[in-house]
Amino acid sequence: MFFKTPAIPSASEALPGRSQSMPVNNVNYINGQPILGPFAEGLETAYFAMGCFWGAERRFWEQPGVVTSAVGYAGGHTPNPTYEETCTGMTGHTEVVLVVFDPALTSYEKLLAVFWEAHDPTQGMRQGNDRGSQYRSAIYCSSTQQLEAAMASAESVQLQLTGMGFGEITTEIMAAPEFFYAEEYHQQYLAKNPAGYCGLRGTGISCG
């Protein structure tokens, strides 16, 4: 379940990046909540990559119990990458959604269901027409409990997908690496640009 290919550069091959973090407005465009941590006591964080992060973030901000969300880059080597650098495939990162949720109002398992249902996790280094390592599927876990839940859900989803004629899941499932916030214009992009691009397509499975 830990998917790596030669398309992801090694640390020595990756772009050098920079020490300065991306300037980001600490306000969620939709609800005014902060998008930079640390977050309020009792809230939990989760990280999902499922193709272009514009549409992926919308899938999560629509969920009850999600307090705030943001998009960025994770899973690679380049510190504080830009969008243009990530799109070269030479940072090693994938496009990731940070989801901050209240476990009293929703569960990590419900967020996993959104993740699995909203995209095709068998496509490797692409999602639909979007091709490149920055579009690969990933679940980056903030705790041992999340990791165990993600692995268990993947096994269940694989059974459904196999029965429907799909191949093996290529989703990376691992402890959360460092998350680098994307540029301001990417944050809550489809709320700012309602007619913007979203290429997410599910497989038809149901995790309910």
N, C-alpha and C. Protein backbone atom coordinates (compact mmCIF):
# COMPACT_ATOMS: atom_id res chain seq x y z
N MET A 1 0.82 -1.21 0.00
CA MET A 1 0.00 0.00 0.00
C MET A 1 0.86 1.26 0.00
N PHE A 2 2.17 1.10 0.01
CA PHE A 2 3.08 2.23 0.00
C PHE A 2 3.66 2.35 -1.39
N PHE A 3 3.12 3.28 -2.16
CA PHE A 3 3.38 3.34 -3.59
C PHE A 3 4.49 4.33 -3.92
N LYS A 4 5.58 3.86 -4.48
CA LYS A 4 6.66 4.72 -4.94
C LYS A 4 7.11 4.24 -6.32
N THR A 5 7.49 5.16 -7.17
CA THR A 5 8.02 4.79 -8.47
C THR A 5 9.22 5.67 -8.76
N PRO A 6 10.03 5.31 -9.78
CA PRO A 6 11.16 6.16 -10.14
C PRO A 6 10.76 7.57 -10.56
N ALA A 7 9.46 7.83 -10.78
CA ALA A 7 9.01 9.16 -11.17
C ALA A 7 9.20 10.16 -10.03
N ILE A 8 9.35 9.68 -8.80
CA ILE A 8 9.56 10.57 -7.66
C ILE A 8 11.07 10.72 -7.44
N PRO A 9 11.60 11.94 -7.48
CA PRO A 9 13.05 12.11 -7.34
C PRO A 9 13.53 11.78 -5.93
N SER A 10 14.78 11.41 -5.83
CA SER A 10 15.40 11.22 -4.53
C SER A 10 15.70 12.59 -3.93
N ALA A 11 16.07 12.60 -2.65
CA ALA A 11 16.38 13.87 -1.99
C ALA A 11 17.51 14.60 -2.69
N SER A 12 18.48 13.85 -3.20
CA SER A 12 19.62 14.49 -3.87
C SER A 12 19.25 15.02 -5.25
N GLU A 13 18.21 14.47 -5.84
CA GLU A 13 17.77 14.90 -7.18
C GLU A 13 16.76 16.04 -7.13
N ALA A 14 16.08 16.19 -5.99
CA ALA A 14 14.98 17.15 -5.88
C ALA A 14 15.47 18.59 -5.93
N LEU A 15 14.57 19.49 -6.32
CA LEU A 15 14.87 20.91 -6.34
C LEU A 15 15.21 21.40 -4.93
N PRO A 16 16.08 22.39 -4.80
CA PRO A 16 16.56 22.80 -3.48
C PRO A 16 15.54 23.53 -2.63
N GLY A 17 14.59 24.22 -3.25
CA GLY A 17 13.59 24.95 -2.48
C GLY A 17 14.18 26.16 -1.78
N ARG A 18 13.64 26.46 -0.59
CA ARG A 18 14.04 27.68 0.11
C ARG A 18 13.69 27.55 1.59
N SER A 19 14.27 28.40 2.40
CA SER A 19 14.00 28.35 3.84
C SER A 19 12.77 29.15 4.23
N GLN A 20 12.37 30.10 3.40
CA GLN A 20 11.23 30.96 3.72
C GLN A 20 9.92 30.29 3.32
N SER A 21 8.96 30.29 4.24
CA SER A 21 7.67 29.67 3.96
C SER A 21 6.82 30.57 3.09
N MET A 22 5.83 29.98 2.48
CA MET A 22 4.92 30.70 1.60
C MET A 22 4.06 31.67 2.41
N PRO A 23 3.98 32.95 2.02
CA PRO A 23 3.08 33.86 2.74
C PRO A 23 1.62 33.50 2.47
N VAL A 24 0.86 33.26 3.52
CA VAL A 24 -0.53 32.83 3.40
C VAL A 24 -1.39 33.65 4.35
N ASN A 25 -2.52 34.12 3.87
CA ASN A 25 -3.49 34.81 4.70
C ASN A 25 -4.14 33.79 5.63
N ASN A 26 -4.04 34.00 6.92
CA ASN A 26 -4.54 33.02 7.89
C ASN A 26 -6.04 33.14 8.11
N VAL A 27 -6.79 33.19 7.03
CA VAL A 27 -8.26 33.28 7.10
C VAL A 27 -8.85 32.41 6.00
N ASN A 28 -9.70 31.48 6.39
CA ASN A 28 -10.42 30.68 5.41
C ASN A 28 -11.43 31.57 4.69
N TYR A 29 -11.36 31.59 3.37
CA TYR A 29 -12.21 32.47 2.56
C TYR A 29 -13.68 32.19 2.77
N ILE A 30 -14.03 30.95 3.12
CA ILE A 30 -15.43 30.55 3.22
C ILE A 30 -16.05 30.93 4.56
N ASN A 31 -15.33 30.65 5.65
CA ASN A 31 -15.95 30.81 6.97
C ASN A 31 -15.14 31.67 7.95
N GLY A 32 -14.01 32.21 7.51
CA GLY A 32 -13.24 33.09 8.37
C GLY A 32 -12.39 32.40 9.42
N GLN A 33 -12.41 31.08 9.46
CA GLN A 33 -11.60 30.35 10.42
C GLN A 33 -10.12 30.39 10.02
N PRO A 34 -9.20 30.26 10.97
CA PRO A 34 -7.78 30.23 10.63
C PRO A 34 -7.42 28.96 9.86
N ILE A 35 -6.46 29.07 8.97
CA ILE A 35 -5.98 27.89 8.25
C ILE A 35 -4.57 27.49 8.67
N LEU A 36 -3.94 28.32 9.50
CA LEU A 36 -2.62 28.00 10.02
C LEU A 36 -2.75 27.52 11.45
N GLY A 37 -2.02 26.45 11.80
CA GLY A 37 -2.04 25.96 13.16
C GLY A 37 -1.16 26.81 14.06
N PRO A 38 -1.15 26.52 15.38
CA PRO A 38 -1.92 25.43 16.01
C PRO A 38 -3.41 25.74 16.07
N PHE A 39 -4.21 24.68 16.01
CA PHE A 39 -5.65 24.83 15.99
C PHE A 39 -6.22 24.64 17.40
N ALA A 40 -7.48 24.97 17.56
CA ALA A 40 -8.12 24.93 18.87
C ALA A 40 -8.05 23.54 19.48
N GLU A 41 -8.01 23.51 20.78
CA GLU A 41 -7.97 22.24 21.51
C GLU A 41 -9.18 21.38 21.15
N GLY A 42 -8.93 20.11 20.96
CA GLY A 42 -10.00 19.17 20.65
C GLY A 42 -10.19 18.91 19.17
N LEU A 43 -9.64 19.78 18.33
CA LEU A 43 -9.72 19.55 16.89
C LEU A 43 -8.62 18.61 16.42
N GLU A 44 -8.86 17.91 15.32
CA GLU A 44 -7.87 17.01 14.76
C GLU A 44 -7.58 17.39 13.32
N THR A 45 -6.42 16.97 12.84
CA THR A 45 -6.03 17.26 11.46
C THR A 45 -5.90 15.97 10.67
N ALA A 46 -6.18 16.06 9.39
CA ALA A 46 -6.02 14.94 8.47
C ALA A 46 -5.51 15.50 7.14
N TYR A 47 -4.82 14.67 6.38
CA TYR A 47 -4.22 15.11 5.12
C TYR A 47 -4.57 14.10 4.02
N PHE A 48 -5.12 14.62 2.91
CA PHE A 48 -5.53 13.76 1.81
C PHE A 48 -5.06 14.35 0.48
N ALA A 49 -4.58 13.47 -0.41
CA ALA A 49 -4.20 13.86 -1.77
C ALA A 49 -5.00 12.98 -2.73
N MET A 50 -5.68 13.62 -3.67
CA MET A 50 -6.58 12.86 -4.56
C MET A 50 -6.71 13.55 -5.91
N GLY A 51 -5.58 14.04 -6.42
CA GLY A 51 -5.62 14.77 -7.68
C GLY A 51 -5.53 16.26 -7.44
N CYS A 52 -6.01 17.05 -8.37
CA CYS A 52 -5.96 18.51 -8.25
C CYS A 52 -6.60 18.96 -6.94
N PHE A 53 -5.86 19.73 -6.16
CA PHE A 53 -6.35 20.06 -4.82
C PHE A 53 -7.49 21.07 -4.80
N TRP A 54 -7.77 21.72 -5.92
CA TRP A 54 -8.91 22.65 -5.94
C TRP A 54 -10.22 21.92 -5.65
N GLY A 55 -10.51 20.90 -6.43
CA GLY A 55 -11.74 20.15 -6.24
C GLY A 55 -11.72 19.30 -4.99
N ALA A 56 -10.55 18.78 -4.65
CA ALA A 56 -10.44 17.93 -3.46
C ALA A 56 -10.77 18.72 -2.20
N GLU A 57 -10.27 19.96 -2.12
CA GLU A 57 -10.58 20.76 -0.93
C GLU A 57 -12.08 20.99 -0.81
N ARG A 58 -12.74 21.27 -1.91
CA ARG A 58 -14.19 21.52 -1.85
C ARG A 58 -14.92 20.30 -1.31
N ARG A 59 -14.51 19.11 -1.70
CA ARG A 59 -15.19 17.91 -1.21
C ARG A 59 -15.18 17.87 0.32
N PHE A 60 -14.08 18.34 0.92
CA PHE A 60 -13.97 18.27 2.38
C PHE A 60 -14.61 19.46 3.08
N TRP A 61 -14.50 20.68 2.52
CA TRP A 61 -15.10 21.81 3.24
C TRP A 61 -16.61 21.69 3.26
N GLU A 62 -17.19 20.89 2.36
CA GLU A 62 -18.64 20.70 2.35
C GLU A 62 -19.12 19.76 3.46
N GLN A 63 -18.21 19.07 4.13
CA GLN A 63 -18.60 18.04 5.09
C GLN A 63 -18.93 18.62 6.46
N PRO A 64 -20.03 18.19 7.07
CA PRO A 64 -20.33 18.60 8.44
C PRO A 64 -19.19 18.21 9.37
N GLY A 65 -18.86 19.08 10.28
CA GLY A 65 -17.80 18.78 11.25
C GLY A 65 -16.42 19.22 10.82
N VAL A 66 -16.26 19.62 9.55
CA VAL A 66 -14.97 20.17 9.10
C VAL A 66 -14.95 21.65 9.45
N VAL A 67 -13.98 22.04 10.26
CA VAL A 67 -13.90 23.40 10.78
C VAL A 67 -13.20 24.32 9.79
N THR A 68 -12.13 23.83 9.19
CA THR A 68 -11.39 24.62 8.21
C THR A 68 -10.56 23.68 7.34
N SER A 69 -10.04 24.23 6.26
CA SER A 69 -9.23 23.43 5.35
C SER A 69 -8.24 24.34 4.62
N ALA A 70 -7.24 23.72 4.04
CA ALA A 70 -6.24 24.46 3.27
C ALA A 70 -5.60 23.49 2.30
N VAL A 71 -4.90 24.03 1.30
CA VAL A 71 -4.21 23.18 0.34
C VAL A 71 -2.71 23.47 0.39
N GLY A 72 -1.95 22.45 0.00
CA GLY A 72 -0.50 22.59 0.01
C GLY A 72 0.17 21.39 -0.62
N TYR A 73 1.42 21.21 -0.26
CA TYR A 73 2.26 20.19 -0.87
C TYR A 73 2.92 19.34 0.22
N ALA A 74 3.00 18.05 -0.01
CA ALA A 74 3.63 17.15 0.98
C ALA A 74 4.06 15.87 0.28
N GLY A 75 4.89 15.11 0.96
CA GLY A 75 5.29 13.80 0.46
C GLY A 75 6.56 13.80 -0.36
N GLY A 76 7.23 14.95 -0.46
CA GLY A 76 8.44 15.03 -1.26
C GLY A 76 9.63 15.49 -0.45
N HIS A 77 10.54 16.19 -1.11
CA HIS A 77 11.79 16.57 -0.47
C HIS A 77 12.04 18.07 -0.45
N THR A 78 11.53 18.80 -1.40
CA THR A 78 11.86 20.22 -1.55
C THR A 78 11.17 21.06 -0.47
N PRO A 79 11.92 21.82 0.33
CA PRO A 79 11.29 22.66 1.35
C PRO A 79 10.64 23.89 0.74
N ASN A 80 9.43 24.19 1.21
CA ASN A 80 8.70 25.39 0.78
C ASN A 80 8.65 25.54 -0.74
N PRO A 81 8.12 24.53 -1.43
CA PRO A 81 8.09 24.59 -2.90
C PRO A 81 7.03 25.55 -3.40
N THR A 82 7.19 26.00 -4.63
CA THR A 82 6.15 26.76 -5.31
C THR A 82 5.29 25.80 -6.11
N TYR A 83 4.16 26.31 -6.58
CA TYR A 83 3.29 25.50 -7.43
C TYR A 83 4.02 25.12 -8.71
N GLU A 84 4.72 26.06 -9.30
CA GLU A 84 5.44 25.79 -10.55
C GLU A 84 6.50 24.72 -10.34
N GLU A 85 7.21 24.76 -9.22
CA GLU A 85 8.22 23.75 -8.94
C GLU A 85 7.58 22.38 -8.74
N THR A 86 6.48 22.34 -8.00
CA THR A 86 5.80 21.06 -7.76
C THR A 86 5.33 20.44 -9.06
N CYS A 87 4.86 21.27 -9.99
CA CYS A 87 4.35 20.78 -11.27
C CYS A 87 5.45 20.20 -12.17
N THR A 88 6.71 20.48 -11.88
CA THR A 88 7.78 19.88 -12.67
C THR A 88 7.99 18.41 -12.31
N GLY A 89 7.45 17.99 -11.17
CA GLY A 89 7.70 16.63 -10.69
C GLY A 89 9.02 16.48 -9.98
N MET A 90 9.78 17.57 -9.83
CA MET A 90 11.11 17.49 -9.27
C MET A 90 11.19 17.94 -7.80
N THR A 91 10.04 18.05 -7.16
CA THR A 91 10.03 18.28 -5.71
C THR A 91 9.68 16.99 -4.96
N GLY A 92 9.00 16.07 -5.66
CA GLY A 92 8.53 14.84 -5.03
C GLY A 92 7.20 14.97 -4.34
N HIS A 93 6.67 16.19 -4.24
CA HIS A 93 5.43 16.40 -3.50
C HIS A 93 4.20 16.05 -4.33
N THR A 94 3.11 15.81 -3.62
CA THR A 94 1.81 15.71 -4.25
C THR A 94 0.92 16.83 -3.71
N GLU A 95 -0.15 17.15 -4.42
CA GLU A 95 -1.07 18.20 -3.99
C GLU A 95 -1.98 17.66 -2.89
N VAL A 96 -1.96 18.32 -1.75
CA VAL A 96 -2.58 17.79 -0.53
C VAL A 96 -3.60 18.77 0.03
N VAL A 97 -4.66 18.22 0.63
CA VAL A 97 -5.63 19.02 1.37
C VAL A 97 -5.45 18.76 2.86
N LEU A 98 -5.27 19.83 3.61
CA LEU A 98 -5.29 19.76 5.07
C LEU A 98 -6.73 19.93 5.53
N VAL A 99 -7.22 18.98 6.30
CA VAL A 99 -8.59 19.03 6.81
C VAL A 99 -8.53 19.10 8.33
N VAL A 100 -9.13 20.13 8.89
CA VAL A 100 -9.21 20.28 10.35
C VAL A 100 -10.66 20.01 10.74
N PHE A 101 -10.86 19.02 11.60
CA PHE A 101 -12.23 18.60 11.91
C PHE A 101 -12.43 18.43 13.40
N ASP A 102 -13.70 18.49 13.77
CA ASP A 102 -14.11 18.31 15.17
C ASP A 102 -14.59 16.87 15.33
N PRO A 103 -13.85 16.03 16.05
CA PRO A 103 -14.26 14.62 16.19
C PRO A 103 -15.56 14.44 16.96
N ALA A 104 -16.05 15.50 17.60
CA ALA A 104 -17.35 15.41 18.26
C ALA A 104 -18.48 15.54 17.25
N LEU A 105 -18.18 16.04 16.05
CA LEU A 105 -19.21 16.28 15.04
C LEU A 105 -19.08 15.38 13.82
N THR A 106 -17.91 14.83 13.60
CA THR A 106 -17.70 13.90 12.50
C THR A 106 -16.58 12.96 12.91
N SER A 107 -16.29 12.00 12.06
CA SER A 107 -15.24 11.02 12.39
C SER A 107 -14.22 10.95 11.26
N TYR A 108 -13.05 10.47 11.61
CA TYR A 108 -12.02 10.26 10.59
C TYR A 108 -12.50 9.26 9.55
N GLU A 109 -13.24 8.27 9.98
CA GLU A 109 -13.76 7.27 9.05
C GLU A 109 -14.69 7.90 8.00
N LYS A 110 -15.48 8.90 8.40
CA LYS A 110 -16.34 9.57 7.43
C LYS A 110 -15.52 10.36 6.42
N LEU A 111 -14.43 10.95 6.87
CA LEU A 111 -13.54 11.66 5.95
C LEU A 111 -12.86 10.69 5.00
N LEU A 112 -12.49 9.52 5.50
CA LEU A 112 -11.92 8.49 4.63
C LEU A 112 -12.93 8.09 3.55
N ALA A 113 -14.19 7.99 3.91
CA ALA A 113 -15.22 7.64 2.93
C ALA A 113 -15.29 8.69 1.83
N VAL A 114 -15.22 9.96 2.19
CA VAL A 114 -15.20 11.04 1.19
C VAL A 114 -14.00 10.86 0.26
N PHE A 115 -12.86 10.60 0.84
CA PHE A 115 -11.63 10.41 0.07
C PHE A 115 -11.77 9.29 -0.95
N TRP A 116 -12.16 8.11 -0.50
CA TRP A 116 -12.23 6.95 -1.40
C TRP A 116 -13.30 7.11 -2.47
N GLU A 117 -14.42 7.72 -2.12
CA GLU A 117 -15.54 7.82 -3.06
C GLU A 117 -15.33 8.89 -4.14
N ALA A 118 -14.49 9.89 -3.84
CA ALA A 118 -14.40 11.06 -4.72
C ALA A 118 -13.36 10.95 -5.82
N HIS A 119 -12.53 9.91 -5.83
CA HIS A 119 -11.51 9.80 -6.86
C HIS A 119 -11.23 8.34 -7.15
N ASP A 120 -10.37 8.09 -8.12
CA ASP A 120 -9.95 6.74 -8.47
C ASP A 120 -8.56 6.50 -7.89
N PRO A 121 -8.46 5.68 -6.83
CA PRO A 121 -7.17 5.50 -6.16
C PRO A 121 -6.27 4.45 -6.80
N THR A 122 -6.60 4.06 -8.03
CA THR A 122 -5.81 3.01 -8.69
C THR A 122 -4.98 3.55 -9.85
N GLN A 123 -4.90 4.86 -10.01
CA GLN A 123 -4.33 5.43 -11.23
C GLN A 123 -2.85 5.80 -11.16
N GLY A 124 -2.22 5.57 -10.03
CA GLY A 124 -0.79 5.85 -9.96
C GLY A 124 -0.49 7.34 -10.04
N MET A 125 0.38 7.71 -10.97
CA MET A 125 0.85 9.09 -11.05
C MET A 125 -0.05 9.97 -11.90
N ARG A 126 -1.34 9.88 -11.67
CA ARG A 126 -2.28 10.75 -12.36
C ARG A 126 -3.63 10.65 -11.69
N GLN A 127 -4.52 11.54 -12.11
CA GLN A 127 -5.92 11.46 -11.73
C GLN A 127 -6.71 11.99 -12.91
N GLY A 128 -7.35 11.08 -13.64
CA GLY A 128 -8.05 11.47 -14.85
C GLY A 128 -7.07 11.98 -15.88
N ASN A 129 -7.36 13.17 -16.41
CA ASN A 129 -6.48 13.77 -17.41
C ASN A 129 -5.30 14.51 -16.81
N ASP A 130 -5.28 14.64 -15.49
CA ASP A 130 -4.17 15.32 -14.82
C ASP A 130 -3.06 14.30 -14.57
N ARG A 131 -1.92 14.51 -15.19
CA ARG A 131 -0.84 13.53 -15.12
C ARG A 131 0.40 14.12 -14.47
N GLY A 132 1.05 13.32 -13.64
CA GLY A 132 2.26 13.74 -12.96
C GLY A 132 2.23 13.29 -11.52
N SER A 133 3.41 13.20 -10.90
CA SER A 133 3.50 12.71 -9.52
C SER A 133 2.78 13.62 -8.54
N GLN A 134 2.55 14.88 -8.92
CA GLN A 134 1.84 15.81 -8.02
C GLN A 134 0.36 15.50 -7.91
N TYR A 135 -0.13 14.59 -8.74
CA TYR A 135 -1.55 14.21 -8.70
C TYR A 135 -1.77 12.82 -8.10
N ARG A 136 -0.74 12.25 -7.52
CA ARG A 136 -0.90 10.90 -6.97
C ARG A 136 -1.76 10.91 -5.71
N SER A 137 -2.37 9.78 -5.44
CA SER A 137 -3.27 9.60 -4.31
C SER A 137 -2.47 9.31 -3.05
N ALA A 138 -2.88 9.94 -1.94
CA ALA A 138 -2.17 9.71 -0.68
C ALA A 138 -3.06 10.00 0.51
N ILE A 139 -2.82 9.28 1.59
CA ILE A 139 -3.39 9.58 2.89
C ILE A 139 -2.22 9.72 3.85
N TYR A 140 -2.04 10.91 4.39
CA TYR A 140 -0.96 11.16 5.34
C TYR A 140 -1.57 11.30 6.73
N CYS A 141 -1.18 10.44 7.63
CA CYS A 141 -1.89 10.25 8.89
C CYS A 141 -1.22 10.99 10.04
N SER A 142 -2.05 11.63 10.87
CA SER A 142 -1.57 12.43 11.99
C SER A 142 -1.40 11.63 13.27
N SER A 143 -1.80 10.37 13.28
CA SER A 143 -1.69 9.54 14.48
C SER A 143 -1.66 8.07 14.09
N THR A 144 -1.26 7.24 15.04
CA THR A 144 -1.29 5.80 14.82
C THR A 144 -2.71 5.32 14.56
N GLN A 145 -3.66 5.92 15.26
CA GLN A 145 -5.06 5.53 15.08
C GLN A 145 -5.53 5.84 13.66
N GLN A 146 -5.15 6.99 13.14
CA GLN A 146 -5.51 7.32 11.76
C GLN A 146 -4.85 6.34 10.79
N LEU A 147 -3.60 6.01 11.03
CA LEU A 147 -2.90 5.09 10.13
C LEU A 147 -3.59 3.74 10.10
N GLU A 148 -3.97 3.24 11.26
CA GLU A 148 -4.64 1.94 11.33
C GLU A 148 -6.00 2.01 10.62
N ALA A 149 -6.73 3.09 10.83
CA ALA A 149 -8.04 3.23 10.18
C ALA A 149 -7.89 3.34 8.67
N ALA A 150 -6.88 4.07 8.21
CA ALA A 150 -6.67 4.23 6.77
C ALA A 150 -6.31 2.91 6.11
N MET A 151 -5.45 2.13 6.75
CA MET A 151 -5.06 0.85 6.20
C MET A 151 -6.25 -0.11 6.15
N ALA A 152 -7.04 -0.11 7.21
CA ALA A 152 -8.21 -1.00 7.24
C ALA A 152 -9.21 -0.60 6.15
N SER A 153 -9.41 0.70 5.98
CA SER A 153 -10.36 1.14 4.96
C SER A 153 -9.87 0.80 3.56
N ALA A 154 -8.56 0.87 3.34
CA ALA A 154 -8.01 0.54 2.04
C ALA A 154 -8.27 -0.92 1.69
N GLU A 155 -8.14 -1.79 2.68
CA GLU A 155 -8.41 -3.22 2.43
C GLU A 155 -9.86 -3.43 2.02
N SER A 156 -10.77 -2.75 2.70
CA SER A 156 -12.20 -2.88 2.37
C SER A 156 -12.50 -2.32 0.99
N VAL A 157 -11.92 -1.16 0.68
CA VAL A 157 -12.15 -0.53 -0.62
C VAL A 157 -11.56 -1.38 -1.74
N GLN A 158 -10.43 -2.01 -1.49
CA GLN A 158 -9.81 -2.84 -2.51
C GLN A 158 -10.73 -4.00 -2.91
N LEU A 159 -11.42 -4.56 -1.95
CA LEU A 159 -12.35 -5.64 -2.25
C LEU A 159 -13.44 -5.16 -3.20
N GLN A 160 -13.98 -3.98 -2.93
CA GLN A 160 -15.01 -3.41 -3.82
C GLN A 160 -14.45 -3.14 -5.21
N LEU A 161 -13.28 -2.53 -5.26
CA LEU A 161 -12.71 -2.16 -6.54
C LEU A 161 -12.38 -3.39 -7.38
N THR A 162 -11.83 -4.41 -6.74
CA THR A 162 -11.52 -5.64 -7.46
C THR A 162 -12.77 -6.25 -8.05
N GLY A 163 -13.85 -6.24 -7.27
CA GLY A 163 -15.11 -6.78 -7.76
C GLY A 163 -15.69 -6.01 -8.91
N MET A 164 -15.28 -4.73 -9.04
CA MET A 164 -15.77 -3.89 -10.13
C MET A 164 -14.81 -3.85 -11.32
N GLY A 165 -13.73 -4.62 -11.23
CA GLY A 165 -12.81 -4.71 -12.34
C GLY A 165 -11.66 -3.72 -12.32
N PHE A 166 -11.50 -3.00 -11.22
CA PHE A 166 -10.38 -2.07 -11.10
C PHE A 166 -9.12 -2.80 -10.64
N GLY A 167 -7.99 -2.15 -10.80
CA GLY A 167 -6.72 -2.72 -10.39
C GLY A 167 -6.40 -2.46 -8.93
N GLU A 168 -5.11 -2.56 -8.60
CA GLU A 168 -4.67 -2.39 -7.23
C GLU A 168 -4.64 -0.91 -6.84
N ILE A 169 -4.97 -0.65 -5.59
CA ILE A 169 -4.87 0.70 -5.04
C ILE A 169 -3.41 1.13 -5.03
N THR A 170 -3.14 2.35 -5.48
CA THR A 170 -1.78 2.88 -5.50
C THR A 170 -1.58 4.01 -4.50
N THR A 171 -2.55 4.20 -3.62
CA THR A 171 -2.52 5.28 -2.64
C THR A 171 -1.35 5.11 -1.66
N GLU A 172 -0.59 6.18 -1.46
CA GLU A 172 0.40 6.21 -0.38
C GLU A 172 -0.34 6.33 0.95
N ILE A 173 -0.02 5.47 1.89
CA ILE A 173 -0.60 5.58 3.23
C ILE A 173 0.56 5.55 4.21
N MET A 174 0.76 6.65 4.92
CA MET A 174 1.93 6.76 5.79
C MET A 174 1.73 7.88 6.80
N ALA A 175 2.62 7.92 7.79
CA ALA A 175 2.60 9.02 8.76
C ALA A 175 2.79 10.34 8.03
N ALA A 176 2.12 11.37 8.51
CA ALA A 176 2.12 12.65 7.82
C ALA A 176 3.52 13.26 7.78
N PRO A 177 4.03 13.54 6.57
CA PRO A 177 5.28 14.28 6.45
C PRO A 177 5.00 15.77 6.63
N GLU A 178 6.02 16.61 6.48
CA GLU A 178 5.81 18.05 6.61
C GLU A 178 4.90 18.55 5.49
N PHE A 179 3.99 19.42 5.88
CA PHE A 179 3.02 20.02 4.95
C PHE A 179 3.43 21.45 4.69
N PHE A 180 3.51 21.82 3.40
CA PHE A 180 3.86 23.17 3.01
C PHE A 180 2.65 23.83 2.36
N TYR A 181 2.22 24.96 2.89
CA TYR A 181 1.05 25.64 2.36
C TYR A 181 1.30 26.12 0.94
N ALA A 182 0.26 25.98 0.10
CA ALA A 182 0.31 26.49 -1.27
C ALA A 182 0.05 27.99 -1.27
N GLU A 183 0.27 28.58 -2.43
CA GLU A 183 0.08 30.01 -2.61
C GLU A 183 -1.35 30.43 -2.28
N GLU A 184 -1.51 31.68 -1.88
CA GLU A 184 -2.80 32.19 -1.44
C GLU A 184 -3.90 31.96 -2.46
N TYR A 185 -3.63 32.14 -3.74
CA TYR A 185 -4.70 32.03 -4.74
C TYR A 185 -5.24 30.62 -4.87
N HIS A 186 -4.50 29.63 -4.40
CA HIS A 186 -4.99 28.25 -4.45
C HIS A 186 -5.96 27.94 -3.30
N GLN A 187 -5.88 28.69 -2.20
CA GLN A 187 -6.68 28.37 -1.02
C GLN A 187 -8.16 28.61 -1.29
N GLN A 188 -8.99 27.58 -1.03
CA GLN A 188 -10.44 27.64 -1.26
C GLN A 188 -10.74 28.15 -2.68
N TYR A 189 -9.99 27.65 -3.64
CA TYR A 189 -10.01 28.17 -5.00
C TYR A 189 -11.41 28.14 -5.62
N LEU A 190 -12.13 27.05 -5.45
CA LEU A 190 -13.42 26.93 -6.12
C LEU A 190 -14.53 27.75 -5.43
N ALA A 191 -14.28 28.23 -4.23
CA ALA A 191 -15.20 29.19 -3.63
C ALA A 191 -14.97 30.57 -4.23
N LYS A 192 -13.72 30.88 -4.53
CA LYS A 192 -13.38 32.17 -5.15
C LYS A 192 -13.69 32.16 -6.65
N ASN A 193 -13.63 30.97 -7.25
CA ASN A 193 -13.83 30.82 -8.70
C ASN A 193 -14.81 29.67 -8.94
N PRO A 194 -16.11 29.90 -8.74
CA PRO A 194 -17.10 28.81 -8.80
C PRO A 194 -17.12 28.05 -10.12
N ALA A 195 -16.70 28.67 -11.20
CA ALA A 195 -16.69 27.98 -12.49
C ALA A 195 -15.32 27.38 -12.80
N GLY A 196 -14.47 27.31 -11.79
CA GLY A 196 -13.11 26.81 -12.00
C GLY A 196 -13.07 25.32 -12.27
N TYR A 197 -11.89 24.87 -12.67
CA TYR A 197 -11.69 23.47 -13.07
C TYR A 197 -11.75 22.51 -11.89
N CYS A 198 -12.43 21.40 -12.09
CA CYS A 198 -12.39 20.28 -11.14
C CYS A 198 -12.49 18.99 -11.94
N GLY A 199 -11.42 18.20 -11.94
CA GLY A 199 -11.39 16.98 -12.73
C GLY A 199 -11.63 15.71 -11.93
N LEU A 200 -12.08 15.84 -10.67
CA LEU A 200 -12.28 14.65 -9.85
C LEU A 200 -13.43 13.79 -10.36
N ARG A 201 -13.16 12.49 -10.43
CA ARG A 201 -14.19 11.52 -10.82
C ARG A 201 -14.02 10.28 -9.95
N GLY A 202 -15.10 9.84 -9.34
CA GLY A 202 -15.04 8.66 -8.51
C GLY A 202 -15.19 7.38 -9.34
N THR A 203 -15.14 6.25 -8.64
CA THR A 203 -15.26 4.95 -9.30
C THR A 203 -16.65 4.36 -9.18
N GLY A 204 -17.47 4.94 -8.32
CA GLY A 204 -18.80 4.40 -8.09
C GLY A 204 -18.91 3.55 -6.84
N ILE A 205 -17.82 3.43 -6.09
CA ILE A 205 -17.89 2.65 -4.85
C ILE A 205 -18.65 3.45 -3.78
N SER A 206 -19.11 2.73 -2.78
CA SER A 206 -19.78 3.35 -1.64
C SER A 206 -19.16 2.87 -0.36
N CYS A 207 -18.74 3.80 0.49
CA CYS A 207 -18.13 3.44 1.76
C CYS A 207 -19.08 3.68 2.93
N GLY A 208 -20.35 3.88 2.62
CA GLY A 208 -21.33 4.16 3.67
C GLY A 208 -21.72 2.91 4.43
